[in-house]
PDB file of all heavy atoms in Angstrom:
ATOM      1  N   LEU A   1      53.211 112.057 126.598  1.00  0.00           N
ATOM      2  CA  LEU A   1      53.892 112.954 125.665  1.00  0.00           C
ATOM      3  C   LEU A   1      55.254 113.380 126.188  1.00  0.00           C
ATOM      4  O   LEU A   1      56.008 114.048 125.476  1.00  0.00           O
ATOM      5  CB  LEU A   1      53.032 114.204 125.400  1.00  0.00           C
ATOM      6  CG  LEU A   1      51.685 113.991 124.698  1.00  0.00           C
ATOM      7  CD1 LEU A   1      50.970 115.322 124.515  1.00  0.00           C
ATOM      8  CD2 LEU A   1      51.877 113.293 123.363  1.00  0.00           C
ATOM      9  N   SER A   2      55.549 113.009 127.447  1.00  0.00           N
ATOM     10  CA  SER A   2      56.794 113.395 128.118  1.00  0.00           C
ATOM     11  C   SER A   2      56.976 114.916 128.112  1.00  0.00           C
ATOM     12  O   SER A   2      58.055 115.444 127.856  1.00  0.00           O
ATOM     13  CB  SER A   2      58.002 112.718 127.439  1.00  0.00           C
ATOM     14  OG  SER A   2      59.157 112.858 128.230  1.00  0.00           O
ATOM     15  N   VAL A   3      55.866 115.604 128.426  1.00  0.00           N
ATOM     16  CA  VAL A   3      55.837 117.070 128.404  1.00  0.00           C
ATOM     17  C   VAL A   3      55.362 117.587 129.760  1.00  0.00           C
ATOM     18  O   VAL A   3      54.475 116.999 130.390  1.00  0.00           O
ATOM     19  CB  VAL A   3      54.899 117.582 127.297  1.00  0.00           C
ATOM     20  CG1 VAL A   3      54.645 119.086 127.441  1.00  0.00           C
ATOM     21  CG2 VAL A   3      55.475 117.292 125.919  1.00  0.00           C
ATOM     22  N   ALA A   4      55.961 118.684 130.195  1.00  0.00           N
ATOM     23  CA  ALA A   4      55.526 119.342 131.427  1.00  0.00           C
ATOM     24  C   ALA A   4      55.490 120.849 131.217  1.00  0.00           C
ATOM     25  O   ALA A   4      56.247 121.396 130.402  1.00  0.00           O
ATOM     26  CB  ALA A   4      56.452 118.998 132.587  1.00  0.00           C
ATOM     27  N   VAL A   5      54.603 121.498 131.950  1.00  0.00           N
ATOM     28  CA  VAL A   5      54.552 122.959 132.013  1.00  0.00           C
ATOM     29  C   VAL A   5      54.568 123.317 133.489  1.00  0.00           C
ATOM     30  O   VAL A   5      53.800 122.744 134.272  1.00  0.00           O
ATOM     31  CB  VAL A   5      53.283 123.527 131.355  1.00  0.00           C
ATOM     32  CG1 VAL A   5      53.353 125.054 131.314  1.00  0.00           C
ATOM     33  CG2 VAL A   5      53.085 122.960 129.955  1.00  0.00           C
ATOM     34  N   LEU A   6      55.429 124.243 133.881  1.00  0.00           N
ATOM     35  CA  LEU A   6      55.533 124.559 135.308  1.00  0.00           C
ATOM     36  C   LEU A   6      55.747 126.042 135.541  1.00  0.00           C
ATOM     37  O   LEU A   6      56.196 126.776 134.655  1.00  0.00           O
ATOM     38  CB  LEU A   6      56.667 123.762 135.949  1.00  0.00           C
ATOM     39  CG  LEU A   6      58.098 124.035 135.486  1.00  0.00           C
ATOM     40  CD1 LEU A   6      58.776 125.060 136.396  1.00  0.00           C
ATOM     41  CD2 LEU A   6      58.908 122.761 135.469  1.00  0.00           C
ATOM     42  N   ASP A   7      55.389 126.460 136.738  1.00  0.00           N
ATOM     43  CA  ASP A   7      55.601 127.826 137.208  1.00  0.00           C
ATOM     44  C   ASP A   7      57.042 127.923 137.723  1.00  0.00           C
ATOM     45  O   ASP A   7      57.385 127.289 138.714  1.00  0.00           O
ATOM     46  CB  ASP A   7      54.598 128.140 138.320  1.00  0.00           C
ATOM     47  CG  ASP A   7      54.725 129.560 138.859  1.00  0.00           C
ATOM     48  OD1 ASP A   7      55.722 130.239 138.548  1.00  0.00           O
ATOM     49  OD2 ASP A   7      53.814 129.983 139.599  1.00  0.00           O
ATOM     50  N   GLY A   8      57.854 128.695 137.030  1.00  0.00           N
ATOM     51  CA  GLY A   8      59.264 128.800 137.405  1.00  0.00           C
ATOM     52  C   GLY A   8      59.600 130.028 138.222  1.00  0.00           C
ATOM     53  O   GLY A   8      60.772 130.408 138.323  1.00  0.00           O
ATOM     54  N   THR A   9      58.583 130.658 138.839  1.00  0.00           N
ATOM     55  CA  THR A   9      58.822 131.853 139.639  1.00  0.00           C
ATOM     56  C   THR A   9      58.941 131.492 141.119  1.00  0.00           C
ATOM     57  O   THR A   9      58.672 130.367 141.523  1.00  0.00           O
ATOM     58  CB  THR A   9      57.684 132.866 139.443  1.00  0.00           C
ATOM     59  OG1 THR A   9      56.444 132.272 139.840  1.00  0.00           O
ATOM     60  CG2 THR A   9      57.585 133.279 137.979  1.00  0.00           C
ATOM     61  N   ALA A  10      59.336 132.476 141.930  1.00  0.00           N
ATOM     62  CA  ALA A  10      59.503 132.256 143.365  1.00  0.00           C
ATOM     63  C   ALA A  10      58.198 131.742 143.973  1.00  0.00           C
ATOM     64  O   ALA A  10      57.110 132.124 143.525  1.00  0.00           O
ATOM     65  CB  ALA A  10      59.918 133.555 144.037  1.00  0.00           C
ATOM     66  N   PRO A  11      58.256 130.844 144.981  1.00  0.00           N
ATOM     67  CA  PRO A  11      59.470 130.418 145.690  1.00  0.00           C
ATOM     68  C   PRO A  11      60.190 129.230 145.064  1.00  0.00           C
ATOM     69  O   PRO A  11      61.253 128.856 145.506  1.00  0.00           O
ATOM     70  CB  PRO A  11      58.926 130.025 147.071  1.00  0.00           C
ATOM     71  CG  PRO A  11      57.549 129.509 146.779  1.00  0.00           C
ATOM     72  CD  PRO A  11      57.029 130.358 145.648  1.00  0.00           C
ATOM     73  N   HIS A  12      59.585 128.629 144.020  1.00  0.00           N
ATOM     74  CA  HIS A  12      60.213 127.466 143.368  1.00  0.00           C
ATOM     75  C   HIS A  12      60.868 127.912 142.062  1.00  0.00           C
ATOM     76  O   HIS A  12      60.479 127.471 140.977  1.00  0.00           O
ATOM     77  CB  HIS A  12      59.195 126.354 143.132  1.00  0.00           C
ATOM     78  CG  HIS A  12      57.815 126.857 142.855  1.00  0.00           C
ATOM     79  ND1 HIS A  12      57.478 127.570 141.720  1.00  0.00           N
ATOM     80  CD2 HIS A  12      56.700 126.787 143.613  1.00  0.00           C
ATOM     81  CE1 HIS A  12      56.200 127.887 141.774  1.00  0.00           C
ATOM     82  NE2 HIS A  12      55.701 127.432 142.914  1.00  0.00           N
ATOM     83  N   ILE A  13      61.830 128.814 142.174  1.00  0.00           N
ATOM     84  CA  ILE A  13      62.504 129.350 140.982  1.00  0.00           C
ATOM     85  C   ILE A  13      63.168 128.209 140.222  1.00  0.00           C
ATOM     86  O   ILE A  13      63.913 127.411 140.782  1.00  0.00           O
ATOM     87  CB  ILE A  13      63.548 130.410 141.375  1.00  0.00           C
ATOM     88  CG1 ILE A  13      62.850 131.619 142.011  1.00  0.00           C
ATOM     89  CG2 ILE A  13      64.364 130.846 140.162  1.00  0.00           C
ATOM     90  CD1 ILE A  13      63.781 132.635 142.602  1.00  0.00           C
ATOM     91  N   THR A  14      62.857 128.127 138.932  1.00  0.00           N
ATOM     92  CA  THR A  14      63.394 127.065 138.083  1.00  0.00           C
ATOM     93  C   THR A  14      64.057 127.687 136.863  1.00  0.00           C
ATOM     94  O   THR A  14      63.448 128.495 136.163  1.00  0.00           O
ATOM     95  CB  THR A  14      62.279 126.110 137.620  1.00  0.00           C
ATOM     96  OG1 THR A  14      61.606 125.591 138.767  1.00  0.00           O
ATOM     97  CG2 THR A  14      62.854 124.961 136.802  1.00  0.00           C
ATOM     98  N   ASP A  15      65.289 127.323 136.617  1.00  0.00           N
ATOM     99  CA  ASP A  15      66.020 127.777 135.435  1.00  0.00           C
ATOM    100  C   ASP A  15      66.364 126.571 134.575  1.00  0.00           C
ATOM    101  O   ASP A  15      66.530 125.452 135.080  1.00  0.00           O
ATOM    102  CB  ASP A  15      67.307 128.514 135.838  1.00  0.00           C
ATOM    103  CG  ASP A  15      67.007 129.842 136.524  1.00  0.00           C
ATOM    104  OD1 ASP A  15      66.139 130.586 136.015  1.00  0.00           O
ATOM    105  OD2 ASP A  15      67.623 130.132 137.565  1.00  0.00           O
ATOM    106  N   PRO A  16      66.502 126.776 133.268  1.00  0.00           N
ATOM    107  CA  PRO A  16      66.785 125.654 132.365  1.00  0.00           C
ATOM    108  C   PRO A  16      68.119 124.974 132.674  1.00  0.00           C
ATOM    109  O   PRO A  16      69.104 125.633 132.995  1.00  0.00           O
ATOM    110  CB  PRO A  16      66.818 126.306 130.979  1.00  0.00           C
ATOM    111  CG  PRO A  16      66.063 127.580 131.131  1.00  0.00           C
ATOM    112  CD  PRO A  16      66.326 128.041 132.533  1.00  0.00           C
ATOM    113  N   VAL A  17      68.116 123.644 132.584  1.00  0.00           N
ATOM    114  CA  VAL A  17      69.352 122.866 132.659  1.00  0.00           C
ATOM    115  C   VAL A  17      69.905 122.657 131.252  1.00  0.00           C
ATOM    116  O   VAL A  17      71.090 122.785 131.004  1.00  0.00           O
ATOM    117  CB  VAL A  17      69.101 121.497 133.340  1.00  0.00           C
ATOM    118  CG1 VAL A  17      70.396 120.670 133.388  1.00  0.00           C
ATOM    119  CG2 VAL A  17      68.559 121.698 134.751  1.00  0.00           C
ATOM    120  N   TYR A  18      68.982 122.362 130.322  1.00  0.00           N
ATOM    121  CA  TYR A  18      69.343 122.193 128.908  1.00  0.00           C
ATOM    122  C   TYR A  18      68.488 123.146 128.077  1.00  0.00           C
ATOM    123  O   TYR A  18      67.556 122.731 127.387  1.00  0.00           O
ATOM    124  CB  TYR A  18      69.109 120.742 128.467  1.00  0.00           C
ATOM    125  CG  TYR A  18      69.775 119.721 129.359  1.00  0.00           C
ATOM    126  CD1 TYR A  18      69.019 118.903 130.194  1.00  0.00           C
ATOM    127  CD2 TYR A  18      71.166 119.575 129.378  1.00  0.00           C
ATOM    128  CE1 TYR A  18      69.623 117.967 131.030  1.00  0.00           C
ATOM    129  CE2 TYR A  18      71.769 118.650 130.211  1.00  0.00           C
ATOM    130  CZ  TYR A  18      70.995 117.847 131.027  1.00  0.00           C
ATOM    131  OH  TYR A  18      71.597 116.922 131.853  1.00  0.00           O
ATOM    132  N   PRO A  19      68.771 124.458 128.164  1.00  0.00           N
ATOM    133  CA  PRO A  19      67.921 125.456 127.509  1.00  0.00           C
ATOM    134  C   PRO A  19      67.807 125.228 126.006  1.00  0.00           C
ATOM    135  O   PRO A  19      68.786 124.979 125.321  1.00  0.00           O
ATOM    136  CB  PRO A  19      68.644 126.778 127.811  1.00  0.00           C
ATOM    137  CG  PRO A  19      70.033 126.404 128.201  1.00  0.00           C
ATOM    138  CD  PRO A  19      69.949 125.060 128.823  1.00  0.00           C
ATOM    139  N   GLY A  20      66.565 125.286 125.528  1.00  0.00           N
ATOM    140  CA  GLY A  20      66.315 125.117 124.105  1.00  0.00           C
ATOM    141  C   GLY A  20      66.312 123.683 123.649  1.00  0.00           C
ATOM    142  O   GLY A  20      65.860 123.372 122.540  1.00  0.00           O
ATOM    143  N   VAL A  21      66.832 122.771 124.481  1.00  0.00           N
ATOM    144  CA  VAL A  21      66.862 121.349 124.142  1.00  0.00           C
ATOM    145  C   VAL A  21      65.717 120.638 124.869  1.00  0.00           C
ATOM    146  O   VAL A  21      64.843 120.027 124.243  1.00  0.00           O
ATOM    147  CB  VAL A  21      68.217 120.713 124.530  1.00  0.00           C
ATOM    148  CG1 VAL A  21      68.215 119.220 124.226  1.00  0.00           C
ATOM    149  CG2 VAL A  21      69.357 121.412 123.809  1.00  0.00           C
ATOM    150  N   THR A  22      65.738 120.736 126.203  1.00  0.00           N
ATOM    151  CA  THR A  22      64.644 120.178 127.005  1.00  0.00           C
ATOM    152  C   THR A  22      63.746 121.288 127.525  1.00  0.00           C
ATOM    153  O   THR A  22      62.528 121.255 127.355  1.00  0.00           O
ATOM    154  CB  THR A  22      65.207 119.361 128.191  1.00  0.00           C
ATOM    155  OG1 THR A  22      66.020 118.304 127.688  1.00  0.00           O
ATOM    156  CG2 THR A  22      64.073 118.769 129.025  1.00  0.00           C
ATOM    157  N   GLU A  23      64.341 122.290 128.161  1.00  0.00           N
ATOM    158  CA  GLU A  23      63.546 123.366 128.758  1.00  0.00           C
ATOM    159  C   GLU A  23      63.392 124.540 127.797  1.00  0.00           C
ATOM    160  O   GLU A  23      64.325 124.880 127.067  1.00  0.00           O
ATOM    161  CB  GLU A  23      64.181 123.863 130.058  1.00  0.00           C
ATOM    162  CG  GLU A  23      64.233 122.813 131.156  1.00  0.00           C
ATOM    163  CD  GLU A  23      65.576 122.101 131.184  1.00  0.00           C
ATOM    164  OE1 GLU A  23      66.327 122.215 130.189  1.00  0.00           O
ATOM    165  OE2 GLU A  23      65.862 121.449 132.190  1.00  0.00           O
ATOM    166  N   HIS A  24      62.199 125.134 127.863  1.00  0.00           N
ATOM    167  CA  HIS A  24      61.886 126.303 127.045  1.00  0.00           C
ATOM    168  C   HIS A  24      61.233 127.339 127.965  1.00  0.00           C
ATOM    169  O   HIS A  24      60.182 127.074 128.550  1.00  0.00           O
ATOM    170  CB  HIS A  24      60.950 125.939 125.892  1.00  0.00           C
ATOM    171  CG  HIS A  24      61.498 124.858 125.015  1.00  0.00           C
ATOM    172  ND1 HIS A  24      62.204 125.111 123.865  1.00  0.00           N
ATOM    173  CD2 HIS A  24      61.465 123.503 125.154  1.00  0.00           C
ATOM    174  CE1 HIS A  24      62.570 123.963 123.311  1.00  0.00           C
ATOM    175  NE2 HIS A  24      62.144 122.974 124.079  1.00  0.00           N
ATOM    176  N   THR A  25      61.852 128.493 128.107  1.00  0.00           N
ATOM    177  CA  THR A  25      61.329 129.538 128.984  1.00  0.00           C
ATOM    178  C   THR A  25      60.263 130.338 128.249  1.00  0.00           C
ATOM    179  O   THR A  25      60.467 130.785 127.115  1.00  0.00           O
ATOM    180  CB  THR A  25      62.454 130.473 129.450  1.00  0.00           C
ATOM    181  OG1 THR A  25      63.441 129.701 130.147  1.00  0.00           O
ATOM    182  CG2 THR A  25      61.918 131.541 130.381  1.00  0.00           C
ATOM    183  N   VAL A  26      59.118 130.506 128.907  1.00  0.00           N
ATOM    184  CA  VAL A  26      57.996 131.257 128.337  1.00  0.00           C
ATOM    185  C   VAL A  26      57.774 132.479 129.217  1.00  0.00           C
ATOM    186  O   VAL A  26      57.406 132.361 130.386  1.00  0.00           O
ATOM    187  CB  VAL A  26      56.714 130.400 128.286  1.00  0.00           C
ATOM    188  CG1 VAL A  26      55.560 131.207 127.698  1.00  0.00           C
ATOM    189  CG2 VAL A  26      56.954 129.130 127.479  1.00  0.00           C
ATOM    190  N   ASN A  27      58.014 133.657 128.677  1.00  0.00           N
ATOM    191  CA  ASN A  27      57.970 134.893 129.456  1.00  0.00           C
ATOM    192  C   ASN A  27      56.605 135.568 129.312  1.00  0.00           C
ATOM    193  O   ASN A  27      56.332 136.250 128.319  1.00  0.00           O
ATOM    194  CB  ASN A  27      59.082 135.844 128.998  1.00  0.00           C
ATOM    195  CG  ASN A  27      59.179 137.068 129.898  1.00  0.00           C
ATOM    196  OD1 ASN A  27      58.506 137.143 130.935  1.00  0.00           O
ATOM    197  ND2 ASN A  27      59.986 138.028 129.501  1.00  0.00           N
ATOM    198  N   LEU A  28      55.754 135.406 130.314  1.00  0.00           N
ATOM    199  CA  LEU A  28      54.424 136.017 130.280  1.00  0.00           C
ATOM    200  C   LEU A  28      54.467 137.502 130.626  1.00  0.00           C
ATOM    201  O   LEU A  28      53.480 138.212 130.428  1.00  0.00           O
ATOM    202  CB  LEU A  28      53.486 135.284 131.249  1.00  0.00           C
ATOM    203  CG  LEU A  28      53.273 133.787 130.999  1.00  0.00           C
ATOM    204  CD1 LEU A  28      52.207 133.241 131.933  1.00  0.00           C
ATOM    205  CD2 LEU A  28      52.904 133.500 129.559  1.00  0.00           C
ATOM    206  N   GLU A  29      55.603 137.972 131.126  1.00  0.00           N
ATOM    207  CA  GLU A  29      55.734 139.402 131.440  1.00  0.00           C
ATOM    208  C   GLU A  29      55.668 140.262 130.188  1.00  0.00           C
ATOM    209  O   GLU A  29      55.434 141.477 130.271  1.00  0.00           O
ATOM    210  CB  GLU A  29      57.043 139.650 132.187  1.00  0.00           C
ATOM    211  CG  GLU A  29      57.038 139.114 133.615  1.00  0.00           C
ATOM    212  CD  GLU A  29      58.308 139.430 134.372  1.00  0.00           C
ATOM    213  OE1 GLU A  29      59.184 140.091 133.786  1.00  0.00           O
ATOM    214  OE2 GLU A  29      58.407 139.016 135.534  1.00  0.00           O
ATOM    215  N   GLU A  30      55.858 139.636 129.022  1.00  0.00           N
ATOM    216  CA  GLU A  30      55.743 140.374 127.769  1.00  0.00           C
ATOM    217  C   GLU A  30      54.337 140.923 127.566  1.00  0.00           C
ATOM    218  O   GLU A  30      54.129 141.860 126.803  1.00  0.00           O
ATOM    219  CB  GLU A  30      56.112 139.467 126.590  1.00  0.00           C
ATOM    220  CG  GLU A  30      57.577 139.042 126.582  1.00  0.00           C
ATOM    221  CD  GLU A  30      57.882 138.058 125.476  1.00  0.00           C
ATOM    222  OE1 GLU A  30      56.943 137.681 124.747  1.00  0.00           O
ATOM    223  OE2 GLU A  30      59.058 137.656 125.334  1.00  0.00           O
ATOM    224  N   ALA A  31      53.369 140.312 128.246  1.00  0.00           N
ATOM    225  CA  ALA A  31      51.981 140.754 128.108  1.00  0.00           C
ATOM    226  C   ALA A  31      51.597 141.824 129.135  1.00  0.00           C
ATOM    227  O   ALA A  31      50.452 142.275 129.165  1.00  0.00           O
ATOM    228  CB  ALA A  31      51.038 139.564 128.244  1.00  0.00           C
ATOM    229  N   LEU A  32      52.547 142.229 129.972  1.00  0.00           N
ATOM    230  CA  LEU A  32      52.263 143.213 131.019  1.00  0.00           C
ATOM    231  C   LEU A  32      52.355 144.646 130.495  1.00  0.00           C
ATOM    232  O   LEU A  32      53.251 144.976 129.697  1.00  0.00           O
ATOM    233  CB  LEU A  32      53.243 143.048 132.179  1.00  0.00           C
ATOM    234  CG  LEU A  32      52.974 141.929 133.179  1.00  0.00           C
ATOM    235  CD1 LEU A  32      54.126 141.815 134.160  1.00  0.00           C
ATOM    236  CD2 LEU A  32      51.671 142.168 133.939  1.00  0.00           C
ATOM    237  N   ASP A  33      51.463 145.486 130.968  1.00  0.00           N
ATOM    238  CA  ASP A  33      51.542 146.928 130.729  1.00  0.00           C
ATOM    239  C   ASP A  33      52.360 147.515 131.875  1.00  0.00           C
ATOM    240  O   ASP A  33      51.830 147.846 132.938  1.00  0.00           O
ATOM    241  CB  ASP A  33      50.135 147.526 130.695  1.00  0.00           C
ATOM    242  CG  ASP A  33      50.131 149.025 130.403  1.00  0.00           C
ATOM    243  OD1 ASP A  33      51.209 149.652 130.507  1.00  0.00           O
ATOM    244  OD2 ASP A  33      49.050 149.562 130.084  1.00  0.00           O
ATOM    245  N   CYS A  34      53.664 147.598 131.667  1.00  0.00           N
ATOM    246  CA  CYS A  34      54.574 148.021 132.749  1.00  0.00           C
ATOM    247  C   CYS A  34      54.334 149.464 133.165  1.00  0.00           C
ATOM    248  O   CYS A  34      54.556 149.825 134.333  1.00  0.00           O
ATOM    249  CB  CYS A  34      56.022 147.828 132.307  1.00  0.00           C
ATOM    250  SG  CYS A  34      56.456 146.089 132.087  1.00  0.00           S
ATOM    251  N   GLU A  35      53.890 150.287 132.229  1.00  0.00           N
ATOM    252  CA  GLU A  35      53.610 151.687 132.583  1.00  0.00           C
ATOM    253  C   GLU A  35      52.460 151.774 133.570  1.00  0.00           C
ATOM    254  O   GLU A  35      52.519 152.534 134.556  1.00  0.00           O
ATOM    255  CB  GLU A  35      53.270 152.473 131.309  1.00  0.00           C
ATOM    256  CG  GLU A  35      53.105 153.966 131.559  1.00  0.00           C
ATOM    257  CD  GLU A  35      52.859 154.749 130.282  1.00  0.00           C
ATOM    258  OE1 GLU A  35      53.160 154.226 129.195  1.00  0.00           O
ATOM    259  OE2 GLU A  35      52.371 155.892 130.384  1.00  0.00           O
ATOM    260  N   ALA A  36      51.424 150.975 133.343  1.00  0.00           N
ATOM    261  CA  ALA A  36      50.282 150.957 134.269  1.00  0.00           C
ATOM    262  C   ALA A  36      50.701 150.392 135.628  1.00  0.00           C
ATOM    263  O   ALA A  36      50.261 150.879 136.678  1.00  0.00           O
ATOM    264  CB  ALA A  36      49.152 150.138 133.672  1.00  0.00           C
ATOM    265  N   LEU A  37      51.565 149.375 135.613  1.00  0.00           N
ATOM    266  CA  LEU A  37      52.047 148.789 136.867  1.00  0.00           C
ATOM    267  C   LEU A  37      52.864 149.787 137.673  1.00  0.00           C
ATOM    268  O   LEU A  37      52.778 149.837 138.904  1.00  0.00           O
ATOM    269  CB  LEU A  37      52.895 147.546 136.583  1.00  0.00           C
ATOM    270  CG  LEU A  37      52.172 146.229 136.371  1.00  0.00           C
ATOM    271  CD1 LEU A  37      53.167 145.137 136.031  1.00  0.00           C
ATOM    272  CD2 LEU A  37      51.355 145.827 137.591  1.00  0.00           C
ATOM    273  N   THR A  38      53.668 150.585 136.974  1.00  0.00           N
ATOM    274  CA  THR A  38      54.523 151.562 137.654  1.00  0.00           C
ATOM    275  C   THR A  38      53.698 152.539 138.483  1.00  0.00           C
ATOM    276  O   THR A  38      54.126 152.987 139.545  1.00  0.00           O
ATOM    277  CB  THR A  38      55.381 152.320 136.620  1.00  0.00           C
ATOM    278  OG1 THR A  38      56.180 151.382 135.898  1.00  0.00           O
ATOM    279  CG2 THR A  38      56.298 153.328 137.304  1.00  0.00           C
ATOM    280  N   LYS A  39      52.501 152.831 138.013  1.00  0.00           N
ATOM    281  CA  LYS A  39      51.629 153.753 138.747  1.00  0.00           C
ATOM    282  C   LYS A  39      51.170 153.143 140.078  1.00  0.00           C
ATOM    283  O   LYS A  39      50.750 153.859 140.991  1.00  0.00           O
ATOM    284  CB  LYS A  39      50.418 154.121 137.889  1.00  0.00           C
ATOM    285  CG  LYS A  39      50.781 154.912 136.634  1.00  0.00           C
ATOM    286  CD  LYS A  39      49.552 155.163 135.776  1.00  0.00           C
ATOM    287  CE  LYS A  39      49.925 155.916 134.509  1.00  0.00           C
ATOM    288  NZ  LYS A  39      48.755 156.140 133.611  1.00  0.00           N
ATOM    289  N   LYS A  40      51.232 151.821 140.168  1.00  0.00           N
ATOM    290  CA  LYS A  40      50.834 151.119 141.392  1.00  0.00           C
ATOM    291  C   LYS A  40      52.055 150.642 142.186  1.00  0.00           C
ATOM    292  O   LYS A  40      51.931 149.768 143.054  1.00  0.00           O
ATOM    293  CB  LYS A  40      49.972 149.900 141.032  1.00  0.00           C
ATOM    294  CG  LYS A  40      48.674 150.231 140.310  1.00  0.00           C
ATOM    295  CD  LYS A  40      47.625 150.698 141.295  1.00  0.00           C
ATOM    296  CE  LYS A  40      46.274 150.843 140.639  1.00  0.00           C
ATOM    297  NZ  LYS A  40      45.213 151.210 141.633  1.00  0.00           N
ATOM    298  N   ARG A  41      53.203 151.201 141.883  1.00  0.00           N
ATOM    299  CA  ARG A  41      54.475 150.720 142.421  1.00  0.00           C
ATOM    300  C   ARG A  41      54.472 150.603 143.944  1.00  0.00           C
ATOM    301  O   ARG A  41      54.814 149.546 144.503  1.00  0.00           O
ATOM    302  CB  ARG A  41      55.611 151.637 141.973  1.00  0.00           C
ATOM    303  CG  ARG A  41      56.993 151.205 142.436  1.00  0.00           C
ATOM    304  CD  ARG A  41      58.069 152.146 141.888  1.00  0.00           C
ATOM    305  NE  ARG A  41      59.389 151.666 142.217  1.00  0.00           N
ATOM    306  CZ  ARG A  41      60.027 151.904 143.366  1.00  0.00           C
ATOM    307  NH1 ARG A  41      59.414 152.639 144.298  1.00  0.00           N
ATOM    308  NH2 ARG A  41      61.235 151.422 143.583  1.00  0.00           N
ATOM    309  N   GLU A  42      54.112 151.651 144.628  1.00  0.00           N
ATOM    310  CA  GLU A  42      54.180 151.654 146.094  1.00  0.00           C
ATOM    311  C   GLU A  42      53.223 150.631 146.697  1.00  0.00           C
ATOM    312  O   GLU A  42      53.561 149.938 147.669  1.00  0.00           O
ATOM    313  CB  GLU A  42      53.882 153.057 146.633  1.00  0.00           C
ATOM    314  CG  GLU A  42      54.899 154.106 146.231  1.00  0.00           C
ATOM    315  CD  GLU A  42      56.320 153.724 146.627  1.00  0.00           C
ATOM    316  OE1 GLU A  42      56.494 153.172 147.742  1.00  0.00           O
ATOM    317  OE2 GLU A  42      57.244 153.949 145.828  1.00  0.00           O
ATOM    318  N   GLU A  43      52.051 150.520 146.113  1.00  0.00           N
ATOM    319  CA  GLU A  43      51.070 149.562 146.633  1.00  0.00           C
ATOM    320  C   GLU A  43      51.558 148.128 146.430  1.00  0.00           C
ATOM    321  O   GLU A  43      51.436 147.291 147.335  1.00  0.00           O
ATOM    322  CB  GLU A  43      49.725 149.760 145.921  1.00  0.00           C
ATOM    323  CG  GLU A  43      48.617 148.893 146.491  1.00  0.00           C
ATOM    324  CD  GLU A  43      47.270 149.121 145.827  1.00  0.00           C
ATOM    325  OE1 GLU A  43      47.194 149.988 144.920  1.00  0.00           O
ATOM    326  OE2 GLU A  43      46.306 148.428 146.204  1.00  0.00           O
TER     327      GLU A  43
END
């Protein structure tokens, strides 16, 4: 299918070369409850 899915976070940070044409960024942080995370900030 000439398709790949990859983890673009550290340490192998990957940014699009041809955004929207070949690469498509999928932001899973949209599913995070940032308020709950903030309570665990120091830990």
